[in-house]
Amino acid sequence: MEKMTNGIEKLSFEQALEKLEGIVKELEDENIALSESISKFEEGVKLSGHCLNKLNEAEKRIEELTRTKDGSLIAKEIELKD
């Protein structure tokens, strides 16, 4: 499982989400073996956590662009309310 986690950490949000969607489709298949479905479920949980981490990182980086009097743009961090 450790190898799987290391590979997941290298995925972009979009890649992880695509893999997660694929796992959901596989789990919906009635012909999947129990042991394989458990393994896929565990991978899906890790992918879900990775996606959540990526979203949290993105949320922390959101900035507001503000135009100054001279017309130039400056980036200003904004605080997001929960």
Protein backbone atom coordinates (compact mmCIF):
# COMPACT_ATOMS: atom_id res chain seq x y z
CA MET A 1 0.00 0.00 0.00
CA GLU A 2 2.90 2.38 0.67
CA LYS A 3 3.82 2.39 -3.03
CA MET A 4 0.26 3.29 -3.95
CA THR A 5 0.28 6.25 -1.57
CA ASN A 6 3.56 7.55 -2.99
CA GLY A 7 2.16 7.36 -6.52
CA ILE A 8 -1.02 9.15 -5.50
CA GLU A 9 0.91 12.06 -4.00
CA LYS A 10 2.41 12.80 -7.42
CA LEU A 11 -0.98 13.07 -9.13
CA SER A 12 -2.62 16.36 -9.99
CA PHE A 13 -6.14 16.99 -8.72
CA GLU A 14 -7.57 16.21 -12.14
CA GLN A 15 -5.61 12.96 -12.48
CA ALA A 16 -6.63 11.79 -9.01
CA LEU A 17 -10.28 12.65 -9.64
CA GLU A 18 -10.23 10.74 -12.93
CA LYS A 19 -8.76 7.68 -11.20
CA LEU A 20 -11.35 7.98 -8.42
CA GLU A 21 -14.19 8.11 -10.95
CA GLY A 22 -12.77 4.99 -12.61
CA ILE A 23 -12.68 3.17 -9.28
CA VAL A 24 -16.30 4.08 -8.60
CA LYS A 25 -17.30 2.58 -11.96
CA GLU A 26 -15.31 -0.58 -11.20
CA LEU A 27 -16.94 -0.91 -7.78
CA GLU A 28 -20.38 -0.61 -9.35
CA ASP A 29 -19.61 -3.72 -11.43
CA GLU A 30 -21.35 -6.69 -9.85
CA ASN A 31 -18.69 -9.11 -11.13
CA ILE A 32 -15.78 -7.71 -9.07
CA ALA A 33 -14.30 -10.02 -6.43
CA LEU A 34 -14.60 -9.04 -2.78
CA SER A 35 -10.83 -8.82 -2.22
CA GLU A 36 -10.42 -6.64 -5.31
CA SER A 37 -13.31 -4.40 -4.28
CA ILE A 38 -11.74 -3.88 -0.84
CA SER A 39 -8.42 -2.98 -2.44
CA LYS A 40 -10.13 -0.57 -4.84
CA PHE A 41 -12.10 0.97 -1.97
CA GLU A 42 -8.88 1.59 -0.01
CA GLU A 43 -7.27 3.21 -3.05
CA GLY A 44 -10.39 5.33 -3.54
CA VAL A 45 -10.25 6.57 0.05
CA LYS A 46 -6.62 7.62 -0.45
CA LEU A 47 -7.46 9.33 -3.73
CA SER A 48 -10.37 11.14 -2.10
CA GLY A 49 -8.10 12.39 0.68
CA HIS A 50 -5.53 13.52 -1.89
CA CYS A 51 -8.19 15.45 -3.80
CA LEU A 52 -9.36 17.11 -0.59
CA ASN A 53 -5.78 18.13 0.25
CA LYS A 54 -5.33 19.62 -3.23
CA LEU A 55 -8.56 21.61 -2.85
CA ASN A 56 -7.47 22.88 0.57
CA GLU A 57 -4.10 23.95 -0.85
CA ALA A 58 -5.83 25.79 -3.69
CA GLU A 59 -8.19 27.52 -1.27
CA LYS A 60 -5.22 28.85 0.71
CA ARG A 61 -3.67 30.31 -2.44
CA ILE A 62 -6.67 32.23 -3.72
CA GLU A 63 -5.84 35.86 -4.26
CA GLU A 64 -7.89 38.89 -5.16
CA LEU A 65 -6.69 41.04 -8.04
CA THR A 66 -7.09 44.72 -7.29
CA ARG A 67 -6.58 47.59 -9.72
CA THR A 68 -4.55 50.50 -8.34
CA LYS A 69 -5.10 54.19 -9.18
CA ASP A 70 -2.48 54.03 -11.92
CA GLY A 71 -4.29 51.09 -13.55
CA SER A 72 -1.86 48.33 -12.62
CA LEU A 73 -3.03 45.15 -10.96
CA ILE A 74 -1.82 43.87 -7.61
CA ALA A 75 -2.52 40.51 -6.04
CA LYS A 76 -3.84 40.58 -2.51
CA GLU A 77 -4.51 37.49 -0.43
CA ILE A 78 -8.07 37.20 0.72
CA GLU A 79 -9.39 35.41 3.74
CA LEU A 80 -12.05 32.84 3.04
CA LYS A 81 -14.80 32.40 5.58
CA ASP A 82 -15.93 28.87 6.37
